[in-house]
Amino acid sequence: MNIISKEQHGWERIALILEEQNISAAALARMIGLPDPRTLYRIKKRNTRIPHRLASAINRIMPEYNIEWLLTGSITLTVDIRLDNSEPHTQTLTQRISKHILCKAHVSQTVRRV
């Protein structure tokens, strides 16, 4: 099992979304149906987690952001490795994950032999 760990609060994940999507907190708030960004800034000010309802709203409009990651800062990956001495597919899988998410999230990998 390979684990990369860094504790994150909700605002750090929101800030990564804003940066990756190149949008403001006000724009994100409008996109998910909030009248203004106060809810988002409250997470920053109080250093709290993202509520499930907010994580679901973000995931609904941006499915590339996993609800598990939005809620906890963690993401679980399962990697299949071939037994016929060919190259494992870990590199391909890693390239598909946002570098921010991989570097900033707690990643738990389960390795299965296929």
Protein backbone atom coordinates (compact mmCIF):
# COMPACT_ATOMS: atom_id res chain seq x y z
CA MET A 1 0.00 0.00 0.00
CA ASN A 2 1.33 3.42 -0.94
CA ILE A 3 0.08 6.41 1.03
CA ILE A 4 0.75 10.10 0.38
CA SER A 5 -0.62 12.24 3.13
CA LYS A 6 -1.28 15.92 3.79
CA GLU A 7 -4.07 17.25 5.99
CA GLN A 8 -6.28 19.69 4.15
CA HIS A 9 -9.13 21.90 5.12
CA GLY A 10 -12.05 22.59 2.82
CA TRP A 11 -10.83 25.95 1.60
CA GLU A 12 -7.58 24.47 0.22
CA ARG A 13 -9.60 22.21 -2.06
CA ILE A 14 -11.92 25.05 -3.09
CA ALA A 15 -8.88 27.23 -3.84
CA LEU A 16 -7.43 24.46 -6.04
CA ILE A 17 -10.70 24.26 -7.98
CA LEU A 18 -10.74 28.03 -8.45
CA GLU A 19 -7.14 27.94 -9.69
CA GLU A 20 -7.57 24.95 -12.00
CA GLN A 21 -10.83 26.29 -13.47
CA ASN A 22 -9.54 29.88 -13.56
CA ILE A 23 -12.70 31.24 -11.95
CA SER A 24 -13.52 33.43 -8.95
CA ALA A 25 -15.30 32.32 -5.79
CA ALA A 26 -18.27 34.43 -6.91
CA ALA A 27 -18.37 32.61 -10.26
CA LEU A 28 -18.19 29.20 -8.56
CA ALA A 29 -20.97 30.22 -6.17
CA ARG A 30 -23.22 31.23 -9.09
CA MET A 31 -22.42 28.01 -10.95
CA ILE A 32 -23.55 25.85 -8.02
CA GLY A 33 -26.65 27.92 -7.30
CA LEU A 34 -25.52 30.08 -4.39
CA PRO A 35 -26.55 33.76 -4.45
CA ASP A 36 -23.03 34.88 -3.45
CA PRO A 37 -19.67 33.41 -2.29
CA ARG A 38 -20.29 33.93 1.46
CA THR A 39 -20.76 30.19 2.04
CA LEU A 40 -17.40 29.49 0.41
CA TYR A 41 -15.61 32.22 2.35
CA ARG A 42 -17.18 30.97 5.59
CA ILE A 43 -15.32 27.68 5.03
CA LYS A 44 -12.10 29.68 4.68
CA LYS A 45 -12.70 31.90 7.69
CA ARG A 46 -13.73 29.06 10.02
CA ASN A 47 -11.16 26.62 8.58
CA THR A 48 -13.84 23.93 8.25
CA ARG A 49 -14.68 21.07 5.94
CA ILE A 50 -16.85 21.31 2.85
CA PRO A 51 -20.44 20.26 3.66
CA HIS A 52 -21.81 17.27 1.75
CA ARG A 53 -24.48 19.35 0.02
CA LEU A 54 -21.85 21.77 -1.29
CA ALA A 55 -19.54 18.92 -2.38
CA SER A 56 -22.44 17.32 -4.26
CA ALA A 57 -23.27 20.63 -5.98
CA ILE A 58 -19.63 21.09 -7.08
CA ASN A 59 -19.42 17.48 -8.29
CA ARG A 60 -22.68 17.86 -10.22
CA ILE A 61 -21.29 20.70 -12.37
CA MET A 62 -17.64 19.54 -12.31
CA PRO A 63 -17.65 15.73 -12.15
CA GLU A 64 -13.87 15.64 -12.42
CA TYR A 65 -13.79 16.63 -8.72
CA ASN A 66 -14.55 13.47 -6.77
CA ILE A 67 -17.00 13.85 -3.86
CA GLU A 68 -14.71 11.81 -1.59
CA TRP A 69 -11.85 14.23 -2.31
CA LEU A 70 -14.07 17.29 -1.86
CA LEU A 71 -15.29 16.05 1.53
CA THR A 72 -12.10 14.61 2.99
CA GLY A 73 -9.10 15.53 0.89
CA SER A 74 -8.60 11.80 0.29
CA ILE A 75 -8.97 9.72 -2.80
CA THR A 76 -8.73 5.94 -3.10
CA LEU A 77 -7.12 4.44 -6.19
CA THR A 78 -7.08 0.81 -7.27
CA VAL A 79 -4.20 -0.16 -9.53
CA ASP A 80 -4.21 -3.40 -11.53
CA ILE A 81 -0.76 -4.89 -12.24
CA ARG A 82 -0.16 -7.57 -14.88
CA LEU A 83 1.66 -10.75 -13.90
CA ASP A 84 3.20 -11.37 -17.34
CA ASN A 85 6.21 -9.11 -16.61
CA SER A 86 4.82 -6.26 -18.69
CA GLU A 87 5.01 -2.71 -17.41
CA PRO A 88 2.47 -1.87 -14.69
CA HIS A 89 -0.19 0.69 -15.59
CA THR A 90 0.56 2.91 -12.61
CA GLN A 91 2.15 5.66 -14.71
CA THR A 92 -0.85 5.88 -17.04
CA LEU A 93 -3.21 6.12 -14.07
CA THR A 94 -1.07 8.76 -12.35
CA GLN A 95 -0.97 10.94 -15.46
CA ARG A 96 -4.77 11.10 -15.50
CA ILE A 97 -5.00 12.49 -11.99
CA SER A 98 -4.68 16.22 -11.49
CA LYS A 99 -1.20 16.98 -10.18
CA HIS A 100 -2.79 19.17 -7.51
CA ILE A 101 -5.05 16.40 -6.30
CA LEU A 102 -2.28 13.82 -6.29
CA CYS A 103 0.19 16.09 -4.49
CA LYS A 104 -2.23 17.58 -2.00
CA ALA A 105 -4.57 14.68 -1.22
CA HIS A 106 -4.21 11.66 0.99
CA VAL A 107 -3.88 8.88 -1.58
CA SER A 108 -4.47 5.26 -0.68
CA GLN A 109 -3.62 2.72 -3.35
CA THR A 110 -4.84 -0.84 -3.39
CA VAL A 111 -2.79 -3.04 -5.70
CA ARG A 112 -4.44 -6.07 -7.27
CA ARG A 113 -2.67 -8.64 -9.42
CA VAL A 114 -4.62 -9.52 -12.54
